[in-house]
C-alpha cells in the first residue's frame, strides 16, 4: 500500500474523494468538499455531511469496534455502518444518491481530540472503501479542524 502526502499550512476542514474507474460512489472522479458539517459524535464514532460547489451532498461515518472510543490508529476490515458486527469497525461514505449495499475497507485515524464533554474538537482520517466486493475503490481524506497533513491511501 502506498501513501501520497500533502502538507497542511493551517487548520482545515476538507474532504477529498478520489475513485478508480468503476467506483460507484465517486463515479471514478476526484472531488473536493470544503463545506463540512459534524452531524454527531457519540462514544465510539462520528458522522459528517459535506458538499461542494456542485451542491452534491455526501456523508461519512467512522465507528470504532466494540463500543470503544474512536482514537488514533488503523481500523482494518471495516464493514458497512450501521450493519457491522460489534467487533468490527464501521464506515460508510455515500451520497449524491449513491451508496453501497455491502462494503469493505479500512481507515486510519491520524489525529483525534475531544473536549471534556466528549465532543469532537478535531479529526484527521484517511480511508479506502470497496463497494459490493468490486476491485474498484474509493480513497479519501477527511480533515476537521485539523493541522494533520493530507494523505491518500492507495491499494
Protein backbone atom coordinates (compact mmCIF):
# COMPACT_ATOMS: atom_id res chain seq x y z
CA UNK A 1 0.00 0.00 0.00
CA UNK A 2 1.42 3.41 -0.99
CA UNK A 3 0.84 6.84 0.55
CA UNK A 4 0.71 10.24 -1.10
CA UNK A 5 1.18 13.20 1.26
CA UNK A 6 0.34 16.91 1.05
CA UNK A 7 1.14 19.39 3.83
CA UNK A 8 -1.40 21.47 5.72
CA UNK A 9 -0.49 25.08 6.43
CA UNK A 10 -3.48 25.93 8.61
CA UNK A 11 -6.27 24.17 10.43
CA UNK A 12 -8.58 22.92 7.74
CA UNK A 13 -11.97 21.48 7.03
CA UNK A 14 -11.76 19.48 3.84
CA UNK A 15 -12.81 16.17 2.33
CA UNK A 16 -11.20 14.84 -0.82
CA UNK A 17 -12.69 11.77 -2.51
CA UNK A 18 -11.00 10.03 -5.41
CA UNK A 19 -12.18 6.84 -7.05
CA UNK A 20 -10.73 4.43 -9.52
CA UNK A 21 -12.67 3.72 -12.74
CA UNK A 22 -15.72 1.67 -11.83
CA UNK A 23 -16.11 3.01 -8.29
CA UNK A 24 -19.83 3.63 -7.80
CA UNK A 25 -19.64 6.38 -5.16
CA UNK A 26 -17.13 8.67 -6.91
CA UNK A 27 -18.00 7.61 -10.44
CA UNK A 28 -14.22 7.36 -10.97
CA UNK A 29 -13.70 11.07 -10.35
CA UNK A 30 -11.90 13.22 -7.79
CA UNK A 31 -13.92 15.81 -5.88
CA UNK A 32 -13.03 18.31 -3.17
CA UNK A 33 -15.53 19.31 -0.47
CA UNK A 34 -15.00 22.17 1.93
CA UNK A 35 -18.47 22.68 3.41
CA UNK A 36 -18.26 20.11 6.22
CA UNK A 37 -20.82 19.71 9.00
CA UNK A 38 -20.35 17.47 12.03
CA UNK A 39 -23.70 15.70 12.44
CA UNK A 40 -22.97 13.68 15.54
CA UNK A 41 -20.32 12.45 17.90
CA UNK A 42 -21.03 9.52 20.13
CA UNK A 43 -18.82 7.46 22.38
CA UNK A 44 -17.50 5.34 19.54
CA UNK A 45 -17.83 7.31 16.31
CA UNK A 46 -18.58 10.35 14.22
CA UNK A 47 -20.89 11.29 11.34
CA UNK A 48 -20.38 14.14 8.86
CA UNK A 49 -22.14 15.64 5.88
CA UNK A 50 -20.32 17.67 3.26
CA UNK A 51 -21.00 19.32 -0.08
CA UNK A 52 -19.20 21.11 -2.88
CA UNK A 53 -19.94 23.87 -5.37
CA UNK A 54 -21.94 21.37 -7.46
CA UNK A 55 -24.18 21.00 -4.39
CA UNK A 56 -23.51 17.26 -4.18
CA UNK A 57 -24.44 16.25 -0.64
CA UNK A 58 -22.31 13.43 0.73
CA UNK A 59 -21.88 11.77 4.12
CA UNK A 60 -19.19 9.89 6.03
CA UNK A 61 -19.41 7.72 9.13
CA UNK A 62 -16.49 6.22 11.09
CA UNK A 63 -17.28 3.95 14.05
CA UNK A 64 -14.82 2.15 16.35
CA UNK A 65 -15.44 -1.53 17.15
CA UNK A 66 -16.72 -2.88 20.44
CA UNK A 67 -18.14 0.37 21.80
CA UNK A 68 -14.62 1.76 22.15
CA UNK A 69 -13.92 5.45 21.73
CA UNK A 70 -12.65 6.38 18.26
CA UNK A 71 -8.93 7.03 18.70
CA UNK A 72 -5.70 7.21 16.73
CA UNK A 73 -4.91 4.00 14.91
CA UNK A 74 -5.59 1.71 11.99
CA UNK A 75 -9.08 0.25 11.63
CA UNK A 76 -8.81 -2.74 9.26
CA UNK A 77 -11.65 -4.88 7.95
CA UNK A 78 -14.26 -2.15 8.29
CA UNK A 79 -17.78 -3.06 7.24
CA UNK A 80 -20.84 -1.03 6.34
CA UNK A 81 -22.12 1.15 9.17
CA UNK A 82 -24.61 0.61 10.85
CA UNK A 83 -24.68 -3.10 9.93
CA UNK A 84 -21.18 -4.12 11.06
CA UNK A 85 -20.64 -6.78 13.71
CA UNK A 86 -19.88 -5.44 17.19
CA UNK A 87 -16.22 -6.48 16.91
CA UNK A 88 -15.77 -4.70 13.54
CA UNK A 89 -15.11 -1.06 12.80
CA UNK A 90 -17.84 0.56 10.75
CA UNK A 91 -17.63 3.06 7.93
CA UNK A 92 -19.85 4.40 5.19
CA UNK A 93 -19.07 7.01 2.54
CA UNK A 94 -22.13 7.73 0.40
CA UNK A 95 -24.17 10.47 -1.18
CA UNK A 96 -25.46 12.12 -4.34
CA UNK A 97 -27.98 9.27 -4.49
CA UNK A 98 -25.27 6.59 -4.41
CA UNK A 99 -24.44 4.13 -1.65
CA UNK A 100 -23.04 0.63 -1.16
CA UNK A 101 -25.24 -2.29 -0.14
CA UNK A 102 -22.13 -4.11 1.04
CA UNK A 103 -18.77 -2.53 1.65
CA UNK A 104 -15.37 -3.31 2.99
CA UNK A 105 -12.41 -1.13 3.68
CA UNK A 106 -10.10 0.38 6.21
CA UNK A 107 -9.44 3.74 7.73
CA UNK A 108 -6.61 5.35 9.63
CA UNK A 109 -7.35 7.90 12.32
CA UNK A 110 -4.22 10.04 12.28
CA UNK A 111 -5.37 12.56 14.86
CA UNK A 112 -8.44 12.99 17.07
CA UNK A 113 -9.23 15.13 20.12
CA UNK A 114 -12.33 15.59 22.24
CA UNK A 115 -13.30 18.27 24.74
CA UNK A 116 -14.04 17.46 28.39
CA UNK A 117 -17.68 16.69 27.50
CA UNK A 118 -16.69 14.17 24.82
CA UNK A 119 -17.48 16.46 21.88
CA UNK A 120 -15.19 16.16 18.87
CA UNK A 121 -12.69 19.02 18.57
CA UNK A 122 -10.65 17.80 15.59
CA UNK A 123 -10.20 14.73 13.42
CA UNK A 124 -7.88 13.55 10.65
CA UNK A 125 -8.87 10.29 8.93
CA UNK A 126 -7.80 8.65 5.67
CA UNK A 127 -9.73 5.78 4.16
CA UNK A 128 -10.26 3.29 1.37
CA UNK A 129 -13.69 1.78 0.64
CA UNK A 130 -14.78 -1.03 -1.70
CA UNK A 131 -18.43 -1.38 -2.78
CA UNK A 132 -20.08 -4.72 -3.49
CA UNK A 133 -16.76 -6.64 -3.35
CA UNK A 134 -15.53 -4.96 -6.55
CA UNK A 135 -11.88 -4.25 -7.31
CA UNK A 136 -12.65 -0.57 -7.97
CA UNK A 137 -12.31 1.56 -4.85
CA UNK A 138 -12.81 4.97 -3.32
CA UNK A 139 -9.98 6.56 -1.41
CA UNK A 140 -10.20 9.76 0.54
CA UNK A 141 -9.19 12.01 3.33
CA UNK A 142 -11.22 13.98 5.85
CA UNK A 143 -9.81 16.82 7.92
CA UNK A 144 -12.00 18.53 10.51
CA UNK A 145 -10.31 21.44 12.33
CA UNK A 146 -7.06 19.58 11.70
CA UNK A 147 -3.44 20.54 11.02
CA UNK A 148 -2.55 16.98 10.02
CA UNK A 149 -1.05 16.65 6.50
CA UNK A 150 -3.29 15.10 3.86
CA UNK A 151 -2.53 11.50 2.91
CA UNK A 152 -4.17 9.26 0.33
CA UNK A 153 -4.26 5.52 0.87
CA UNK A 154 -3.59 3.57 -2.29
CA UNK A 155 -4.12 -0.11 -2.94
